[in-house]
Amino acid sequence: MPVRYRLGMTDSDQTPTTHDENRHDQLTTAPNATEADAAPRIDVTDQGDGVTRIDIRDDAAVRPGADPEDTEQG
């Protein structure tokens, strides 16, 4: 029978974990992963009236779009 994991629970004491803790664990368990891999890349702001603003952080190591160092256009 396959092993099943419960999301949001730790293996050792079954204490619920937060979304941020799960995200950090997921992003830092890969081989060669660093703490920088788990750094926040977006800011989410609730504007009210059901409006949510999502901004890419200025200090994000990875940003959407074309590579600014790629000068070759094709």
C-alpha atoms as a PDB file:
ATOM      1  CA  MET A   1       0.000   0.000   0.000  1.00  0.00           C
ATOM      2  CA  PRO A   2       1.444   3.448  -0.926  1.00  0.00           C
ATOM      3  CA  VAL A   3       2.434   5.849   1.819  1.00  0.00           C
ATOM      4  CA  ARG A   4       0.102   8.826   2.037  1.00  0.00           C
ATOM      5  CA  TYR A   5       1.081  12.144   3.559  1.00  0.00           C
ATOM      6  CA  ARG A   6      -1.314  14.577   5.159  1.00  0.00           C
ATOM      7  CA  LEU A   7      -0.751  18.095   3.899  1.00  0.00           C
ATOM      8  CA  GLY A   8      -0.205  20.665   6.592  1.00  0.00           C
ATOM      9  CA  MET A   9       1.124  18.228   9.192  1.00  0.00           C
ATOM     10  CA  THR A  10       4.686  17.556  10.280  1.00  0.00           C
ATOM     11  CA  ASP A  11       6.048  14.016  10.346  1.00  0.00           C
ATOM     12  CA  SER A  12       7.334  14.059  13.919  1.00  0.00           C
ATOM     13  CA  ASP A  13       4.550  15.307  16.170  1.00  0.00           C
ATOM     14  CA  GLN A  14       1.523  15.847  13.914  1.00  0.00           C
ATOM     15  CA  THR A  15       1.453  19.570  14.802  1.00  0.00           C
ATOM     16  CA  PRO A  16      -0.270  21.565  12.041  1.00  0.00           C
ATOM     17  CA  THR A  17       2.107  23.688   9.981  1.00  0.00           C
ATOM     18  CA  THR A  18       1.372  26.994   8.297  1.00  0.00           C
ATOM     19  CA  HIS A  19       1.286  27.643   4.572  1.00  0.00           C
ATOM     20  CA  ASP A  20       4.562  29.594   4.845  1.00  0.00           C
ATOM     21  CA  GLU A  21       6.286  26.705   6.667  1.00  0.00           C
ATOM     22  CA  ASN A  22       5.082  24.205   4.059  1.00  0.00           C
ATOM     23  CA  ARG A  23       6.254  26.504   1.241  1.00  0.00           C
ATOM     24  CA  HIS A  24       9.673  26.946   2.845  1.00  0.00           C
ATOM     25  CA  ASP A  25      10.088  23.195   3.339  1.00  0.00           C
ATOM     26  CA  GLN A  26       9.027  22.458  -0.221  1.00  0.00           C
ATOM     27  CA  LEU A  27      11.407  25.008  -1.754  1.00  0.00           C
ATOM     28  CA  THR A  28      14.459  24.117   0.346  1.00  0.00           C
ATOM     29  CA  THR A  29      14.396  20.300   0.269  1.00  0.00           C
ATOM     30  CA  ALA A  30      15.696  19.918  -3.286  1.00  0.00           C
ATOM     31  CA  PRO A  31      19.378  19.077  -3.783  1.00  0.00           C
ATOM     32  CA  ASN A  32      21.505  22.256  -3.889  1.00  0.00           C
ATOM     33  CA  ALA A  33      18.587  24.388  -2.616  1.00  0.00           C
ATOM     34  CA  THR A  34      19.397  27.442  -0.510  1.00  0.00           C
ATOM     35  CA  GLU A  35      17.421  29.726   1.801  1.00  0.00           C
ATOM     36  CA  ALA A  36      17.266  32.241  -1.057  1.00  0.00           C
ATOM     37  CA  ASP A  37      15.105  29.777  -2.997  1.00  0.00           C
ATOM     38  CA  ALA A  38      12.368  30.238  -0.390  1.00  0.00           C
ATOM     39  CA  ALA A  39      12.522  34.033  -0.393  1.00  0.00           C
ATOM     40  CA  PRO A  40       9.216  35.773  -1.131  1.00  0.00           C
ATOM     41  CA  ARG A  41       8.796  36.832  -4.756  1.00  0.00           C
ATOM     42  CA  ILE A  42       5.404  38.539  -4.599  1.00  0.00           C
ATOM     43  CA  ASP A  43       3.470  40.909  -2.330  1.00  0.00           C
ATOM     44  CA  VAL A  44      -0.280  40.338  -2.027  1.00  0.00           C
ATOM     45  CA  THR A  45      -2.455  43.210  -0.799  1.00  0.00           C
ATOM     46  CA  ASP A  46      -6.191  43.050  -0.115  1.00  0.00           C
ATOM     47  CA  GLN A  47      -7.553  46.303  -1.556  1.00  0.00           C
ATOM     48  CA  GLY A  48     -11.057  45.725  -0.180  1.00  0.00           C
ATOM     49  CA  ASP A  49     -14.296  45.149  -2.075  1.00  0.00           C
ATOM     50  CA  GLY A  50     -12.965  41.772  -3.253  1.00  0.00           C
ATOM     51  CA  VAL A  51      -9.975  43.314  -5.038  1.00  0.00           C
ATOM     52  CA  THR A  52      -6.590  41.691  -4.467  1.00  0.00           C
ATOM     53  CA  ARG A  53      -3.403  43.272  -5.816  1.00  0.00           C
ATOM     54  CA  ILE A  54      -0.410  41.039  -6.603  1.00  0.00           C
ATOM     55  CA  ASP A  55       2.947  42.757  -7.172  1.00  0.00           C
ATOM     56  CA  ILE A  56       6.277  41.209  -8.118  1.00  0.00           C
ATOM     57  CA  ARG A  57       8.791  42.263  -5.467  1.00  0.00           C
ATOM     58  CA  ASP A  58      11.663  44.496  -6.590  1.00  0.00           C
ATOM     59  CA  ASP A  59      14.143  42.213  -4.825  1.00  0.00           C
ATOM     60  CA  ALA A  60      12.792  38.982  -6.362  1.00  0.00           C
ATOM     61  CA  ALA A  61      15.623  36.900  -7.801  1.00  0.00           C
ATOM     62  CA  VAL A  62      13.332  35.479 -10.472  1.00  0.00           C
ATOM     63  CA  ARG A  63      10.930  37.725 -12.346  1.00  0.00           C
ATOM     64  CA  PRO A  64       8.442  37.020 -15.136  1.00  0.00           C
ATOM     65  CA  GLY A  65       9.200  38.117 -18.665  1.00  0.00           C
ATOM     66  CA  ALA A  66      12.243  38.131 -20.898  1.00  0.00           C
ATOM     67  CA  ASP A  67      15.749  37.909 -19.490  1.00  0.00           C
ATOM     68  CA  PRO A  68      17.061  41.513 -19.363  1.00  0.00           C
ATOM     69  CA  GLU A  69      20.595  40.256 -20.026  1.00  0.00           C
ATOM     70  CA  ASP A  70      19.486  38.480 -23.215  1.00  0.00           C
ATOM     71  CA  THR A  71      20.337  41.071 -25.867  1.00  0.00           C
ATOM     72  CA  GLU A  72      19.654  38.760 -28.806  1.00  0.00           C
ATOM     73  CA  GLN A  73      16.167  39.376 -30.174  1.00  0.00           C
ATOM     74  CA  GLY A  74      14.794  36.862 -32.503  1.00  0.00           C
END
